[in-house]
All heavy atoms as atom14 arrays in JSON, in Angstrom:
{
  "sequence": "AVLVRGEFINAADLIFLAESQASQVEIGGGWPDEDL",
  "atom14_mask": [
    [1, 1, 1, 1, 1, 0, 0, 0, 0, 0, 0, 0, 0, 0],
    [1, 1, 1, 1, 1, 1, 1, 0, 0, 0, 0, 0, 0, 0],
    [1, 1, 1, 1, 1, 1, 1, 1, 0, 0, 0, 0, 0, 0],
    [1, 1, 1, 1, 1, 1, 1, 0, 0, 0, 0, 0, 0, 0],
    [1, 1, 1, 1, 1, 1, 1, 1, 1, 1, 1, 0, 0, 0],
    [1, 1, 1, 1, 0, 0, 0, 0, 0, 0, 0, 0, 0, 0],
    [1, 1, 1, 1, 1, 1, 1, 1, 1, 0, 0, 0, 0, 0],
    [1, 1, 1, 1, 1, 1, 1, 1, 1, 1, 1, 0, 0, 0],
    [1, 1, 1, 1, 1, 1, 1, 1, 0, 0, 0, 0, 0, 0],
    [1, 1, 1, 1, 1, 1, 1, 1, 0, 0, 0, 0, 0, 0],
    [1, 1, 1, 1, 1, 0, 0, 0, 0, 0, 0, 0, 0, 0],
    [1, 1, 1, 1, 1, 0, 0, 0, 0, 0, 0, 0, 0, 0],
    [1, 1, 1, 1, 1, 1, 1, 1, 0, 0, 0, 0, 0, 0],
    [1, 1, 1, 1, 1, 1, 1, 1, 0, 0, 0, 0, 0, 0],
    [1, 1, 1, 1, 1, 1, 1, 1, 0, 0, 0, 0, 0, 0],
    [1, 1, 1, 1, 1, 1, 1, 1, 1, 1, 1, 0, 0, 0],
    [1, 1, 1, 1, 1, 1, 1, 1, 0, 0, 0, 0, 0, 0],
    [1, 1, 1, 1, 1, 0, 0, 0, 0, 0, 0, 0, 0, 0],
    [1, 1, 1, 1, 1, 1, 1, 1, 1, 0, 0, 0, 0, 0],
    [1, 1, 1, 1, 1, 1, 0, 0, 0, 0, 0, 0, 0, 0],
    [1, 1, 1, 1, 1, 1, 1, 1, 1, 0, 0, 0, 0, 0],
    [1, 1, 1, 1, 1, 0, 0, 0, 0, 0, 0, 0, 0, 0],
    [1, 1, 1, 1, 1, 1, 0, 0, 0, 0, 0, 0, 0, 0],
    [1, 1, 1, 1, 1, 1, 1, 1, 1, 0, 0, 0, 0, 0],
    [1, 1, 1, 1, 1, 1, 1, 0, 0, 0, 0, 0, 0, 0],
    [1, 1, 1, 1, 1, 1, 1, 1, 1, 0, 0, 0, 0, 0],
    [1, 1, 1, 1, 1, 1, 1, 1, 0, 0, 0, 0, 0, 0],
    [1, 1, 1, 1, 0, 0, 0, 0, 0, 0, 0, 0, 0, 0],
    [1, 1, 1, 1, 0, 0, 0, 0, 0, 0, 0, 0, 0, 0],
    [1, 1, 1, 1, 0, 0, 0, 0, 0, 0, 0, 0, 0, 0],
    [1, 1, 1, 1, 1, 1, 1, 1, 1, 1, 1, 1, 1, 1],
    [1, 1, 1, 1, 1, 1, 1, 0, 0, 0, 0, 0, 0, 0],
    [1, 1, 1, 1, 1, 1, 1, 1, 0, 0, 0, 0, 0, 0],
    [1, 1, 1, 1, 1, 1, 1, 1, 1, 0, 0, 0, 0, 0],
    [1, 1, 1, 1, 1, 1, 1, 1, 0, 0, 0, 0, 0, 0],
    [1, 1, 1, 1, 1, 1, 1, 1, 0, 0, 0, 0, 0, 0]
  ],
  "atom14_positions": [
    [[126.34, 86.27, 114.01], [127.33, 85.15, 114.05], [128.74, 85.57, 114.49], [129.45, 84.87, 115.2], [127.38, 84.39, 112.84], [0.0, 0.0, 0.0], [0.0, 0.0, 0.0], [0.0, 0.0, 0.0], [0.0, 0.0, 0.0], [0.0, 0.0, 0.0], [0.0, 0.0, 0.0], [0.0, 0.0, 0.0], [0.0, 0.0, 0.0], [0.0, 0.0, 0.0]],
    [[129.08, 86.78, 114.07], [130.35, 87.34, 114.34], [130.43, 87.94, 115.79], [131.43, 87.74, 116.56], [130.79, 88.36, 113.28], [132.08, 89.08, 113.78], [131.02, 87.67, 111.94], [0.0, 0.0, 0.0], [0.0, 0.0, 0.0], [0.0, 0.0, 0.0], [0.0, 0.0, 0.0], [0.0, 0.0, 0.0], [0.0, 0.0, 0.0], [0.0, 0.0, 0.0]],
    [[129.36, 88.65, 116.18], [129.45, 89.55, 117.4], [128.91, 88.74, 118.62], [129.39, 89.17, 119.75], [128.57, 90.75, 117.14], [129.1, 91.7, 116.08], [128.1, 92.95, 115.94], [130.56, 92.16, 116.3], [0.0, 0.0, 0.0], [0.0, 0.0, 0.0], [0.0, 0.0, 0.0], [0.0, 0.0, 0.0], [0.0, 0.0, 0.0], [0.0, 0.0, 0.0]],
    [[128.09, 87.7, 118.48], [127.59, 87.07, 119.7], [128.58, 85.99, 120.03], [128.91, 85.19, 119.3], [126.24, 86.43, 119.42], [125.74, 85.61, 120.47], [125.2, 87.46, 119.08], [0.0, 0.0, 0.0], [0.0, 0.0, 0.0], [0.0, 0.0, 0.0], [0.0, 0.0, 0.0], [0.0, 0.0, 0.0], [0.0, 0.0, 0.0], [0.0, 0.0, 0.0]],
    [[128.88, 86.04, 121.39], [129.87, 85.1, 121.9], [129.29, 83.76, 122.36], [130.03, 82.73, 122.29], [130.71, 85.8, 123.11], [131.46, 87.03, 122.7], [132.46, 86.66, 121.58], [133.33, 87.75, 121.2], [134.11, 87.75, 120.21], [134.14, 86.71, 119.38], [134.89, 88.85, 119.85], [0.0, 0.0, 0.0], [0.0, 0.0, 0.0], [0.0, 0.0, 0.0]],
    [[128.1, 83.8, 122.93], [127.51, 82.54, 123.4], [126.94, 81.73, 122.29], [127.06, 82.09, 121.04], [0.0, 0.0, 0.0], [0.0, 0.0, 0.0], [0.0, 0.0, 0.0], [0.0, 0.0, 0.0], [0.0, 0.0, 0.0], [0.0, 0.0, 0.0], [0.0, 0.0, 0.0], [0.0, 0.0, 0.0], [0.0, 0.0, 0.0], [0.0, 0.0, 0.0]],
    [[126.51, 80.53, 122.61], [125.99, 79.61, 121.6], [124.63, 80.05, 120.97], [124.39, 79.87, 119.84], [125.72, 78.22, 122.33], [125.2, 77.17, 121.29], [124.93, 75.84, 122.07], [125.15, 75.71, 123.2], [124.4, 74.93, 121.3], [0.0, 0.0, 0.0], [0.0, 0.0, 0.0], [0.0, 0.0, 0.0], [0.0, 0.0, 0.0], [0.0, 0.0, 0.0]],
    [[123.83, 80.68, 121.89], [122.49, 81.1, 121.38], [122.47, 82.62, 121.1], [122.99, 83.38, 121.81], [121.43, 80.7, 122.42], [121.12, 79.26, 122.52], [121.78, 78.46, 123.49], [120.28, 78.67, 121.71], [121.54, 77.14, 123.49], [119.99, 77.25, 121.67], [120.71, 76.48, 122.6], [0.0, 0.0, 0.0], [0.0, 0.0, 0.0], [0.0, 0.0, 0.0]],
    [[121.72, 82.96, 120.15], [121.43, 84.38, 119.75], [120.02, 84.74, 120.26], [119.05, 84.14, 119.8], [121.4, 84.56, 118.18], [122.88, 84.26, 117.65], [121.09, 85.92, 117.79], [123.08, 84.28, 116.18], [0.0, 0.0, 0.0], [0.0, 0.0, 0.0], [0.0, 0.0, 0.0], [0.0, 0.0, 0.0], [0.0, 0.0, 0.0], [0.0, 0.0, 0.0]],
    [[120.05, 85.6, 121.26], [118.85, 85.96, 121.86], [118.28, 87.35, 121.36], [118.94, 87.94, 120.54], [119.0, 86.12, 123.4], [119.52, 84.87, 124.0], [118.93, 83.79, 123.77], [120.67, 84.94, 124.7], [0.0, 0.0, 0.0], [0.0, 0.0, 0.0], [0.0, 0.0, 0.0], [0.0, 0.0, 0.0], [0.0, 0.0, 0.0], [0.0, 0.0, 0.0]],
    [[117.05, 87.63, 121.71], [116.45, 88.87, 121.27], [117.31, 90.13, 121.57], [117.53, 91.04, 120.69], [115.06, 89.1, 121.93], [0.0, 0.0, 0.0], [0.0, 0.0, 0.0], [0.0, 0.0, 0.0], [0.0, 0.0, 0.0], [0.0, 0.0, 0.0], [0.0, 0.0, 0.0], [0.0, 0.0, 0.0], [0.0, 0.0, 0.0], [0.0, 0.0, 0.0]],
    [[118.02, 90.14, 122.72], [118.84, 91.22, 123.15], [120.07, 91.41, 122.15], [120.64, 92.47, 122.05], [119.34, 91.09, 124.58], [0.0, 0.0, 0.0], [0.0, 0.0, 0.0], [0.0, 0.0, 0.0], [0.0, 0.0, 0.0], [0.0, 0.0, 0.0], [0.0, 0.0, 0.0], [0.0, 0.0, 0.0], [0.0, 0.0, 0.0], [0.0, 0.0, 0.0]],
    [[120.52, 90.22, 121.56], [121.64, 90.29, 120.62], [121.18, 90.9, 119.28], [122.12, 91.22, 118.49], [122.19, 88.8, 120.45], [122.65, 88.25, 121.71], [123.38, 88.92, 122.49], [122.39, 87.11, 121.88], [0.0, 0.0, 0.0], [0.0, 0.0, 0.0], [0.0, 0.0, 0.0], [0.0, 0.0, 0.0], [0.0, 0.0, 0.0], [0.0, 0.0, 0.0]],
    [[119.88, 91.05, 119.02], [119.42, 91.56, 117.86], [118.96, 92.94, 117.93], [118.13, 93.44, 117.15], [118.31, 90.68, 117.3], [118.72, 89.23, 116.99], [117.54, 88.35, 116.86], [119.78, 89.06, 115.95], [0.0, 0.0, 0.0], [0.0, 0.0, 0.0], [0.0, 0.0, 0.0], [0.0, 0.0, 0.0], [0.0, 0.0, 0.0], [0.0, 0.0, 0.0]],
    [[119.39, 93.74, 118.92], [118.95, 95.06, 119.2], [119.27, 96.0, 117.99], [118.71, 97.07, 117.91], [119.61, 95.56, 120.51], [118.86, 96.87, 120.95], [121.17, 95.8, 120.38], [117.47, 96.6, 121.44], [0.0, 0.0, 0.0], [0.0, 0.0, 0.0], [0.0, 0.0, 0.0], [0.0, 0.0, 0.0], [0.0, 0.0, 0.0], [0.0, 0.0, 0.0]],
    [[120.26, 95.54, 117.26], [120.7, 96.48, 116.11], [119.57, 96.54, 115.05], [119.53, 97.38, 114.19], [121.92, 96.01, 115.46], [121.92, 94.59, 114.96], [121.42, 94.3, 113.71], [122.36, 93.5, 115.66], [121.44, 93.01, 113.2], [122.39, 92.24, 115.21], [121.84, 91.97, 114.04], [0.0, 0.0, 0.0], [0.0, 0.0, 0.0], [0.0, 0.0, 0.0]],
    [[118.64, 95.58, 115.13], [117.49, 95.7, 114.23], [116.64, 96.79, 114.64], [116.33, 96.95, 115.87], [116.66, 94.46, 114.19], [117.34, 93.19, 113.69], [116.52, 91.97, 113.87], [117.68, 93.37, 112.16], [0.0, 0.0, 0.0], [0.0, 0.0, 0.0], [0.0, 0.0, 0.0], [0.0, 0.0, 0.0], [0.0, 0.0, 0.0], [0.0, 0.0, 0.0]],
    [[116.17, 97.71, 113.84], [115.48, 98.93, 114.17], [114.34, 98.6, 115.01], [113.55, 97.75, 114.62], [115.11, 99.75, 112.9], [0.0, 0.0, 0.0], [0.0, 0.0, 0.0], [0.0, 0.0, 0.0], [0.0, 0.0, 0.0], [0.0, 0.0, 0.0], [0.0, 0.0, 0.0], [0.0, 0.0, 0.0], [0.0, 0.0, 0.0], [0.0, 0.0, 0.0]],
    [[114.13, 99.45, 116.02], [113.02, 99.15, 116.95], [111.77, 100.07, 116.72], [110.8, 100.03, 117.42], [113.45, 99.35, 118.47], [114.46, 98.33, 118.93], [113.88, 96.87, 119.08], [112.58, 96.84, 119.15], [114.6, 95.98, 119.34], [0.0, 0.0, 0.0], [0.0, 0.0, 0.0], [0.0, 0.0, 0.0], [0.0, 0.0, 0.0], [0.0, 0.0, 0.0]],
    [[111.94, 100.96, 115.69], [110.83, 101.97, 115.5], [109.62, 101.22, 115.02], [109.65, 100.14, 114.45], [111.35, 102.93, 114.48], [111.56, 102.32, 113.15], [0.0, 0.0, 0.0], [0.0, 0.0, 0.0], [0.0, 0.0, 0.0], [0.0, 0.0, 0.0], [0.0, 0.0, 0.0], [0.0, 0.0, 0.0], [0.0, 0.0, 0.0], [0.0, 0.0, 0.0]],
    [[108.46, 101.88, 115.13], [107.2, 101.36, 114.72], [107.23, 101.0, 113.25], [106.67, 100.08, 112.79], [106.04, 102.24, 115.15], [104.72, 101.79, 114.76], [103.54, 102.68, 115.2], [103.8, 103.69, 115.77], [102.35, 102.21, 115.02], [0.0, 0.0, 0.0], [0.0, 0.0, 0.0], [0.0, 0.0, 0.0], [0.0, 0.0, 0.0], [0.0, 0.0, 0.0]],
    [[107.96, 101.89, 112.49], [107.9, 101.73, 111.01], [108.6, 100.54, 110.55], [108.4, 99.91, 109.5], [108.63, 102.98, 110.49], [0.0, 0.0, 0.0], [0.0, 0.0, 0.0], [0.0, 0.0, 0.0], [0.0, 0.0, 0.0], [0.0, 0.0, 0.0], [0.0, 0.0, 0.0], [0.0, 0.0, 0.0], [0.0, 0.0, 0.0], [0.0, 0.0, 0.0]],
    [[109.47, 100.0, 111.49], [110.32, 98.77, 111.09], [109.71, 97.48, 111.69], [110.24, 96.4, 111.52], [111.76, 98.86, 111.63], [111.81, 98.78, 112.99], [0.0, 0.0, 0.0], [0.0, 0.0, 0.0], [0.0, 0.0, 0.0], [0.0, 0.0, 0.0], [0.0, 0.0, 0.0], [0.0, 0.0, 0.0], [0.0, 0.0, 0.0], [0.0, 0.0, 0.0]],
    [[108.55, 97.58, 112.4], [107.98, 96.44, 112.96], [106.73, 96.06, 112.18], [106.01, 96.89, 111.68], [107.6, 96.75, 114.4], [108.68, 97.08, 115.33], [109.58, 95.97, 115.5], [109.14, 94.88, 115.92], [110.91, 96.18, 115.26], [0.0, 0.0, 0.0], [0.0, 0.0, 0.0], [0.0, 0.0, 0.0], [0.0, 0.0, 0.0], [0.0, 0.0, 0.0]],
    [[106.51, 94.76, 112.16], [105.27, 94.22, 111.55], [104.15, 94.26, 112.6], [104.32, 93.71, 113.68], [105.47, 92.76, 111.03], [104.13, 92.2, 110.5], [106.56, 92.71, 109.96], [0.0, 0.0, 0.0], [0.0, 0.0, 0.0], [0.0, 0.0, 0.0], [0.0, 0.0, 0.0], [0.0, 0.0, 0.0], [0.0, 0.0, 0.0], [0.0, 0.0, 0.0]],
    [[103.03, 94.86, 112.23], [101.95, 94.99, 113.23], [100.92, 93.84, 112.94], [100.65, 93.7, 111.78], [101.24, 96.4, 113.05], [102.14, 97.55, 113.44], [101.42, 98.82, 113.42], [100.14, 98.86, 113.31], [102.02, 99.85, 113.66], [0.0, 0.0, 0.0], [0.0, 0.0, 0.0], [0.0, 0.0, 0.0], [0.0, 0.0, 0.0], [0.0, 0.0, 0.0]],
    [[100.54, 93.17, 113.91], [99.59, 92.11, 113.75], [98.38, 92.61, 113.02], [97.75, 93.59, 113.46], [99.24, 91.43, 115.14], [100.48, 90.94, 115.81], [98.22, 90.37, 114.9], [101.11, 89.81, 115.12], [0.0, 0.0, 0.0], [0.0, 0.0, 0.0], [0.0, 0.0, 0.0], [0.0, 0.0, 0.0], [0.0, 0.0, 0.0], [0.0, 0.0, 0.0]],
    [[97.96, 91.96, 112.02], [96.76, 92.32, 111.26], [97.04, 93.4, 110.21], [96.18, 93.7, 109.43], [0.0, 0.0, 0.0], [0.0, 0.0, 0.0], [0.0, 0.0, 0.0], [0.0, 0.0, 0.0], [0.0, 0.0, 0.0], [0.0, 0.0, 0.0], [0.0, 0.0, 0.0], [0.0, 0.0, 0.0], [0.0, 0.0, 0.0], [0.0, 0.0, 0.0]],
    [[98.24, 94.05, 110.2], [98.54, 95.09, 109.27], [99.62, 94.62, 108.34], [99.41, 94.87, 107.18], [0.0, 0.0, 0.0], [0.0, 0.0, 0.0], [0.0, 0.0, 0.0], [0.0, 0.0, 0.0], [0.0, 0.0, 0.0], [0.0, 0.0, 0.0], [0.0, 0.0, 0.0], [0.0, 0.0, 0.0], [0.0, 0.0, 0.0], [0.0, 0.0, 0.0]],
    [[100.68, 94.05, 108.82], [101.85, 93.74, 107.96], [101.72, 92.28, 107.36], [102.38, 91.99, 106.48], [0.0, 0.0, 0.0], [0.0, 0.0, 0.0], [0.0, 0.0, 0.0], [0.0, 0.0, 0.0], [0.0, 0.0, 0.0], [0.0, 0.0, 0.0], [0.0, 0.0, 0.0], [0.0, 0.0, 0.0], [0.0, 0.0, 0.0], [0.0, 0.0, 0.0]],
    [[100.83, 91.5, 107.93], [100.78, 90.11, 107.45], [99.31, 89.88, 106.86], [98.38, 90.5, 107.38], [100.82, 89.12, 108.59], [102.14, 89.13, 109.28], [103.31, 89.57, 108.81], [102.42, 88.79, 110.58], [104.28, 89.37, 109.65], [103.77, 88.93, 110.93], [101.6, 88.33, 111.71], [104.35, 88.7, 112.04], [102.23, 88.0, 112.87], [103.57, 88.16, 113.06]],
    [[99.21, 89.19, 105.72], [97.97, 88.88, 105.11], [97.16, 88.1, 106.15], [97.59, 87.21, 106.79], [98.25, 88.06, 103.84], [99.71, 88.38, 103.56], [100.38, 88.65, 104.99], [0.0, 0.0, 0.0], [0.0, 0.0, 0.0], [0.0, 0.0, 0.0], [0.0, 0.0, 0.0], [0.0, 0.0, 0.0], [0.0, 0.0, 0.0], [0.0, 0.0, 0.0]],
    [[95.86, 88.49, 106.38], [95.05, 87.84, 107.41], [94.89, 86.29, 107.13], [95.01, 85.62, 108.1], [93.68, 88.45, 107.4], [93.63, 89.89, 107.93], [94.63, 90.29, 108.58], [92.68, 90.6, 107.64], [0.0, 0.0, 0.0], [0.0, 0.0, 0.0], [0.0, 0.0, 0.0], [0.0, 0.0, 0.0], [0.0, 0.0, 0.0], [0.0, 0.0, 0.0]],
    [[94.73, 86.0, 105.91], [94.55, 84.55, 105.58], [95.75, 83.67, 105.81], [95.72, 82.51, 105.9], [93.94, 84.33, 104.17], [94.98, 84.74, 103.07], [95.07, 86.19, 102.69], [94.52, 87.03, 103.51], [95.72, 86.62, 101.79], [0.0, 0.0, 0.0], [0.0, 0.0, 0.0], [0.0, 0.0, 0.0], [0.0, 0.0, 0.0], [0.0, 0.0, 0.0]],
    [[96.97, 84.33, 105.89], [98.14, 83.67, 105.95], [98.72, 83.46, 107.43], [99.55, 82.59, 107.65], [99.21, 84.26, 105.11], [100.54, 83.34, 104.9], [100.33, 82.25, 104.52], [101.64, 83.84, 105.24], [0.0, 0.0, 0.0], [0.0, 0.0, 0.0], [0.0, 0.0, 0.0], [0.0, 0.0, 0.0], [0.0, 0.0, 0.0], [0.0, 0.0, 0.0]],
    [[98.17, 84.25, 108.27], [98.73, 84.34, 109.65], [98.57, 82.88, 110.41], [99.5, 82.36, 110.91], [98.07, 85.39, 110.49], [98.56, 85.53, 111.95], [100.1, 85.74, 111.94], [97.89, 86.74, 112.57], [0.0, 0.0, 0.0], [0.0, 0.0, 0.0], [0.0, 0.0, 0.0], [0.0, 0.0, 0.0], [0.0, 0.0, 0.0], [0.0, 0.0, 0.0]]
  ]
}
């Protein structure tokens, strides 16, 4: 909210979120199957 100048916050504006595999939810691994 502080750093983005435009009205919309896009994926590119969230690059500071870690991009490593360890920080990503993998489909079928990080989410309970019955809840997806």
